[in-house]
Structures are given as C-alpha cells and as structure tokens.
Amino acid sequence: MSEPNVTQQQTQQQFSATPLRSLLGAVISGAMGFGLYSLMIAIATNFATKPIHSDNLLVIKISSAVRTLVVGIVALGAGIFGIVAVGLLALAVQLLVQQLTKHKDI
C-alpha cells in the first residue's frame, strides 16, 4: 500500500534544466535525427533503384503513394529530431549565459 505513495513522490520531483543535460539531449536527438536522415536516403535510393513493374494504373498510383508516404514519414521524423536538437542546443547556450551573468552580478 505504501508503494504508490513512493512512486507519486518520485514523479512529483522536478529536475532543473542544466546546460549539460540540454547538451546531452541535443547530442542524442541530433544522432537520432542523423540516423533517420540516413535511413530516409537509403529507403529513397532503394525505391528509386527498384521501379514498379505493373501495367495496372491503379497499382502504380497506390504504390507511388505508399512510397511517398514512407519516405515522408521518415523525413518528418528526421526533421523533428533535428529541430529538437537545435532547440536543446539553444537552451544549453541560454542556460550557460544565464549562469555566467548570474555569477557576475554577485
């Protein structure tokens, strides 16, 4: 019975943002974004080297739409991780500047 109270207390703890945590998050997010970008290039290259072999117009249109959606979703993921990496890097710079100016005021 006391375990839910412990988990509630642990979830209520707030962690402060530090430049190191922000920088680490930016590196992780940037690596994931680069990985997704590389995956997107590999998928697009694979689709480009293997054309659709069909005489049915409906099959060609559906497969073209599916290929576009697959590449687009991976590109969207890469873009989101890239934007998050840039934002976390900017947060790290902002926190570092705030810490440096705080020490000068004292």
Protein backbone atom coordinates (compact mmCIF):
# COMPACT_ATOMS: atom_id res chain seq x y z
CA MET A 1 0.00 0.00 0.00
CA SER A 2 2.85 2.41 0.64
CA GLU A 3 4.46 1.80 -2.77
CA PRO A 4 2.02 4.04 -4.73
CA ASN A 5 2.89 6.93 -2.40
CA VAL A 6 6.59 6.44 -3.11
CA THR A 7 6.02 6.46 -6.86
CA GLN A 8 3.84 9.57 -6.58
CA GLN A 9 6.59 11.34 -4.67
CA GLN A 10 9.15 10.29 -7.25
CA THR A 11 7.02 11.54 -10.14
CA GLN A 12 6.41 14.86 -8.41
CA GLN A 13 10.13 15.63 -8.22
CA GLN A 14 11.11 18.32 -10.67
CA PHE A 15 14.52 18.26 -12.26
CA SER A 16 16.09 21.57 -13.13
CA ALA A 17 17.48 22.13 -16.60
CA THR A 18 21.24 22.38 -16.78
CA PRO A 19 23.46 23.15 -19.75
CA LEU A 20 24.99 19.67 -19.55
CA ARG A 21 21.61 17.92 -19.66
CA SER A 22 20.48 20.12 -22.53
CA LEU A 23 23.68 19.49 -24.44
CA LEU A 24 23.43 15.74 -23.86
CA GLY A 25 19.82 15.78 -25.06
CA ALA A 26 20.85 17.76 -28.13
CA VAL A 27 23.56 15.24 -28.97
CA ILE A 28 21.17 12.30 -28.56
CA SER A 29 18.44 13.98 -30.59
CA GLY A 30 20.91 15.02 -33.28
CA ALA A 31 22.24 11.46 -33.53
CA MET A 32 18.72 10.10 -33.87
CA GLY A 33 17.91 12.74 -36.49
CA PHE A 34 21.03 11.89 -38.46
CA GLY A 35 20.20 8.20 -38.23
CA LEU A 36 16.69 8.81 -39.53
CA TYR A 37 18.08 11.01 -42.30
CA SER A 38 20.46 8.24 -43.36
CA LEU A 39 17.60 5.75 -43.24
CA MET A 40 15.49 8.07 -45.40
CA ILE A 41 18.24 8.33 -48.01
CA ALA A 42 18.65 4.55 -48.04
CA ILE A 43 14.91 3.99 -48.43
CA ALA A 44 14.60 6.58 -51.20
CA THR A 45 17.58 5.09 -53.03
CA ASN A 46 16.14 1.62 -52.69
CA PHE A 47 12.79 2.76 -54.06
CA ALA A 48 14.49 4.57 -56.94
CA THR A 49 16.52 1.55 -57.99
CA LYS A 50 13.51 -0.78 -57.96
CA PRO A 51 10.83 0.58 -60.27
CA ILE A 52 7.24 -0.61 -60.19
CA HIS A 53 6.58 -3.39 -62.73
CA SER A 54 2.88 -3.27 -63.49
CA ASP A 55 0.55 -2.35 -66.30
CA ASN A 56 -2.32 -1.54 -63.97
CA LEU A 57 -2.62 2.21 -63.42
CA LEU A 58 -4.25 1.79 -60.00
CA VAL A 59 -1.35 -0.36 -58.76
CA ILE A 60 1.16 2.22 -59.95
CA LYS A 61 -0.68 5.10 -58.26
CA ILE A 62 -1.14 3.26 -54.95
CA SER A 63 2.44 2.04 -54.81
CA SER A 64 3.71 5.52 -55.66
CA ALA A 65 1.58 6.97 -52.86
CA VAL A 66 2.82 4.37 -50.38
CA ARG A 67 6.44 5.01 -51.32
CA THR A 68 5.92 8.75 -50.92
CA LEU A 69 4.27 8.28 -47.53
CA VAL A 70 7.06 6.01 -46.26
CA VAL A 71 9.80 8.42 -47.27
CA GLY A 72 7.78 11.39 -45.99
CA ILE A 73 7.17 9.89 -42.55
CA VAL A 74 10.85 9.08 -42.09
CA ALA A 75 11.77 12.58 -43.30
CA LEU A 76 9.30 14.08 -40.85
CA GLY A 77 10.88 12.13 -38.00
CA ALA A 78 14.36 13.25 -39.05
CA GLY A 79 13.20 16.86 -39.24
CA ILE A 80 11.54 16.77 -35.83
CA PHE A 81 14.61 15.30 -34.17
CA GLY A 82 16.78 17.89 -35.93
CA ILE A 83 14.61 20.76 -34.72
CA VAL A 84 14.62 19.36 -31.18
CA ALA A 85 18.41 19.11 -31.29
CA VAL A 86 18.73 22.74 -32.37
CA GLY A 87 16.28 23.84 -29.66
CA LEU A 88 18.10 21.93 -26.93
CA LEU A 89 21.40 23.35 -28.10
CA ALA A 90 19.95 26.87 -27.93
CA LEU A 91 18.61 26.11 -24.45
CA ALA A 92 22.06 24.96 -23.35
CA VAL A 93 23.60 28.20 -24.62
CA GLN A 94 20.88 30.26 -22.91
CA LEU A 95 21.36 28.46 -19.58
CA LEU A 96 25.12 28.82 -19.83
CA VAL A 97 24.83 32.56 -20.48
CA GLN A 98 22.40 32.91 -17.57
CA GLN A 99 24.79 31.09 -15.26
CA LEU A 100 27.72 33.23 -16.35
CA THR A 101 25.85 36.51 -15.94
CA LYS A 102 24.43 35.40 -12.58
CA HIS A 103 27.94 34.92 -11.19
CA LYS A 104 29.00 38.37 -12.43
CA ASP A 105 26.11 40.08 -10.60
CA ILE A 106 27.12 38.61 -7.22
